[in-house]
Protein backbone atom coordinates (compact mmCIF):
# COMPACT_ATOMS: atom_id res chain seq x y z
CA MET A 1 -0.49 -51.35 -75.07
CA THR A 2 -1.74 -52.27 -71.62
CA HIS A 3 0.50 -52.59 -68.61
CA ILE A 4 0.32 -56.41 -68.66
CA LEU A 5 1.44 -56.71 -72.28
CA GLU A 6 4.43 -54.39 -71.76
CA HIS A 7 6.25 -57.32 -70.11
CA PHE A 8 6.23 -59.26 -73.40
CA SER A 9 8.85 -57.17 -75.17
CA LEU A 10 12.48 -57.72 -76.02
CA PRO A 11 15.02 -54.91 -75.84
CA TYR A 12 16.43 -54.07 -79.26
CA SER A 13 18.43 -50.85 -79.21
CA GLY A 14 21.59 -51.48 -77.25
CA MET A 15 21.32 -55.28 -77.55
CA LYS A 16 24.67 -56.76 -78.48
CA ASP A 17 25.03 -59.23 -81.34
CA GLY A 18 24.91 -62.85 -80.27
CA LEU A 19 22.58 -65.30 -78.56
CA HIS A 20 20.18 -64.10 -75.85
CA GLU A 21 17.52 -66.08 -73.95
CA TYR A 22 14.34 -64.80 -72.35
CA GLU A 23 11.57 -66.51 -70.40
CA PHE A 24 7.98 -65.24 -70.31
CA SER A 25 4.91 -66.46 -68.42
CA ALA A 26 1.45 -66.08 -69.91
CA GLY A 27 -1.53 -66.66 -67.64
CA PRO A 28 -5.17 -65.60 -67.37
CA ASP A 29 -4.31 -61.87 -67.17
CA PHE A 30 -2.40 -62.14 -70.46
CA PHE A 31 -5.24 -63.90 -72.30
CA ARG A 32 -7.86 -61.41 -71.04
CA GLU A 33 -6.10 -58.76 -73.11
CA PHE A 34 -7.17 -60.48 -76.34
CA PRO A 35 -10.89 -60.26 -77.15
CA ALA A 36 -12.62 -63.57 -77.96
CA SER A 37 -9.56 -65.57 -76.92
CA PRO A 38 -10.05 -69.36 -77.06
CA ILE A 39 -7.89 -69.51 -73.91
CA GLU A 40 -9.10 -68.08 -70.63
CA ASN A 41 -7.21 -69.74 -67.78
CA GLY A 42 -4.18 -71.32 -69.41
CA GLU A 43 -0.72 -71.20 -67.87
CA PHE A 44 2.17 -71.09 -70.33
CA SER A 45 5.88 -70.49 -70.33
CA VAL A 46 7.41 -69.12 -73.50
CA ARG A 47 11.17 -69.36 -73.91
CA VAL A 48 12.55 -67.06 -76.58
CA ARG A 49 16.04 -67.51 -78.00
CA ALA A 50 17.15 -64.44 -79.91
CA ASP A 51 20.20 -64.61 -82.17
CA LYS A 52 20.97 -60.98 -83.02
CA ARG A 53 23.10 -60.12 -86.01
CA PRO A 54 23.63 -56.82 -87.83
CA GLY A 55 20.28 -55.73 -89.31
CA MET A 56 18.39 -58.84 -88.26
CA MET A 57 17.47 -61.21 -85.46
CA ASP A 58 16.43 -64.86 -85.55
CA LEU A 59 13.83 -65.70 -82.90
CA HIS A 60 12.95 -69.21 -81.74
CA PHE A 61 9.91 -69.72 -79.48
CA GLU A 62 9.44 -72.80 -77.24
CA ILE A 63 5.94 -72.95 -75.80
CA ASN A 64 4.98 -75.22 -72.90
CA GLY A 65 1.85 -75.07 -70.83
CA ARG A 66 -1.54 -76.42 -69.92
CA VAL A 67 -5.03 -75.21 -70.64
CA PRO A 68 -8.15 -76.32 -68.76
CA THR A 69 -10.72 -77.90 -71.06
CA THR A 70 -13.06 -80.87 -71.42
CA CYS A 71 -11.68 -84.16 -72.72
CA ASP A 72 -13.16 -84.97 -76.12
CA LYS A 73 -13.11 -88.69 -75.32
CA CYS A 74 -14.51 -89.05 -71.79
CA LEU A 75 -15.87 -85.53 -71.09
CA ALA A 76 -13.77 -85.16 -67.91
CA ASP A 77 -12.29 -81.81 -66.92
CA ILE A 78 -8.60 -81.93 -67.87
CA LYS A 79 -5.55 -79.70 -68.02
CA LEU A 80 -4.48 -80.33 -71.60
CA PRO A 81 -0.70 -80.18 -72.18
CA VAL A 82 0.28 -77.79 -74.98
CA ARG A 83 3.66 -77.59 -76.68
CA GLY A 84 4.96 -75.73 -79.69
CA ASP A 85 8.17 -74.69 -81.45
CA PHE A 86 8.23 -71.78 -83.86
CA SER A 87 10.79 -69.54 -85.55
CA MET A 88 10.53 -66.00 -86.82
CA LEU A 89 12.93 -63.57 -88.43
CA VAL A 90 13.16 -59.91 -87.40
CA LYS A 91 14.67 -57.51 -89.94
CA VAL A 92 15.34 -53.81 -89.96
CA GLY A 93 13.29 -52.11 -92.66
CA ASP A 94 9.80 -50.91 -93.59
CA ASP A 95 7.46 -52.29 -90.89
CA LYS A 96 4.57 -52.33 -93.39
CA LEU A 97 6.14 -55.41 -95.03
CA SER A 98 5.78 -57.67 -91.95
CA ASP A 99 4.08 -61.04 -92.41
CA ASP A 100 3.77 -64.36 -90.55
CA GLU A 101 7.44 -65.29 -90.91
CA VAL A 102 9.26 -61.94 -90.97
CA LEU A 103 8.72 -59.01 -88.62
CA PHE A 104 10.16 -55.72 -89.84
CA ILE A 105 11.18 -53.06 -87.31
CA LYS A 106 12.72 -49.60 -87.49
CA ASP A 107 16.47 -49.32 -86.83
CA ASP A 108 15.96 -46.93 -83.89
CA GLN A 109 13.25 -49.04 -82.23
CA ALA A 110 13.96 -49.50 -78.49
CA LYS A 111 11.84 -52.64 -77.95
CA ILE A 112 10.19 -55.39 -79.95
CA ASP A 113 6.66 -56.04 -78.73
CA LEU A 114 6.07 -59.81 -78.95
CA SER A 115 2.74 -59.98 -77.08
CA GLN A 116 0.60 -60.46 -80.21
CA VAL A 117 3.11 -62.89 -81.73
CA MET A 118 3.23 -64.98 -78.53
CA TYR A 119 -0.56 -65.01 -78.26
CA GLU A 120 -0.94 -66.23 -81.85
CA LEU A 121 1.77 -68.89 -81.45
CA ILE A 122 0.17 -70.21 -78.25
CA CYS A 123 -3.19 -70.40 -80.05
CA LEU A 124 -1.54 -72.22 -82.97
CA SER A 125 -0.07 -74.72 -80.49
CA LEU A 126 -3.50 -75.78 -79.23
CA PRO A 127 -4.29 -79.31 -80.45
CA MET A 128 -7.30 -79.88 -82.69
CA VAL A 129 -8.53 -82.69 -80.42
CA ASN A 130 -8.64 -82.30 -76.64
CA VAL A 131 -7.23 -85.73 -75.76
CA TYR A 132 -3.89 -86.80 -74.30
CA ASN A 133 -2.37 -89.79 -72.52
CA CYS A 134 -3.46 -88.96 -68.98
CA GLY A 135 -2.40 -92.31 -67.47
CA ASN A 136 0.56 -90.67 -65.69
CA ASP A 137 -1.57 -87.98 -64.02
CA ASN A 138 -2.30 -88.44 -60.33
CA PRO A 139 -5.22 -88.72 -60.00
CA VAL A 140 -6.14 -89.87 -63.49
CA PRO A 141 -8.88 -87.44 -64.62
CA CYS A 142 -10.74 -89.89 -66.89
CA ASN A 143 -14.47 -90.42 -66.48
CA LYS A 144 -14.40 -94.23 -66.22
CA GLU A 145 -18.18 -94.55 -66.57
CA VAL A 146 -18.16 -92.83 -69.96
CA LEU A 147 -15.13 -94.87 -71.11
CA GLU A 148 -16.85 -98.14 -70.14
CA LYS A 149 -19.94 -97.19 -72.16
CA LEU A 150 -17.76 -96.24 -75.12
CA GLY A 151 -15.93 -99.57 -74.86
CA ARG A 152 -19.16 -101.54 -74.90
CA HIS A 153 -20.42 -99.52 -77.88
CA GLU A 154 -17.17 -100.06 -79.82
CA GLU A 155 -17.29 -103.82 -79.11
CA SER A 156 -20.85 -104.11 -80.42
CA GLU A 157 -19.92 -102.15 -83.58
CA THR A 158 -16.95 -104.47 -84.18
CA ASP A 159 -19.18 -107.54 -83.76
CA GLU A 160 -21.70 -106.08 -86.21
CA LEU A 161 -18.98 -105.49 -88.81
CA LYS A 162 -17.66 -109.05 -88.41
CA ASN A 163 -21.14 -110.49 -88.94
CA ALA A 164 -22.17 -108.12 -91.74
CA THR A 165 -23.38 -109.89 -94.89
CA PHE A 166 -22.10 -107.23 -97.28
CA TRP A 167 -18.61 -108.76 -96.96
CA GLU A 168 -19.90 -111.95 -98.58
CA GLY A 169 -20.47 -110.15 -101.89
CA LEU A 170 -16.89 -108.86 -101.89
CA LYS A 171 -15.46 -112.34 -101.33
CA GLU A 172 -17.04 -113.54 -104.56
CA LEU A 173 -15.40 -110.84 -106.72
CA ASP A 174 -12.60 -112.05 -108.97
CA LEU A 175 -9.97 -109.29 -108.61
CA GLU A 176 -7.18 -111.00 -110.55
């Protein structure tokens, strides 16, 4: 584990039962540690709520951040907001049984390394389409020229559909 990723661990041995909260920041240095990462310059905060009980711990991750990208609608450079909420269970047992929802650790383990988990959850939080309501940004990043051209194109397509003759054939069908 590199020096940067060491900061993304929770203490386990010596942690008292009950609710604990932790805050982590993941920036460009964090994402450089993961080869072929889809995120290079994102800035994220990850809040982790850990509810420790005997032999197990319930983890809840709240992810908030922004990632620089290109808007899929107007091609402007934007800082896309990213949010996500995830839960995971940590149990004491054979660590070879771990999967996407349960992380198994050894009883004498001092720390729980969450760097890989956080990376994967941030990646899962990325939207499929790089578009958001940017009207509240100052300045608004939209490329108005591209949006105007798209608007004209959409209007002409709507006019074409209204005037299309194939609708006439459907009107004559007796569907009753």
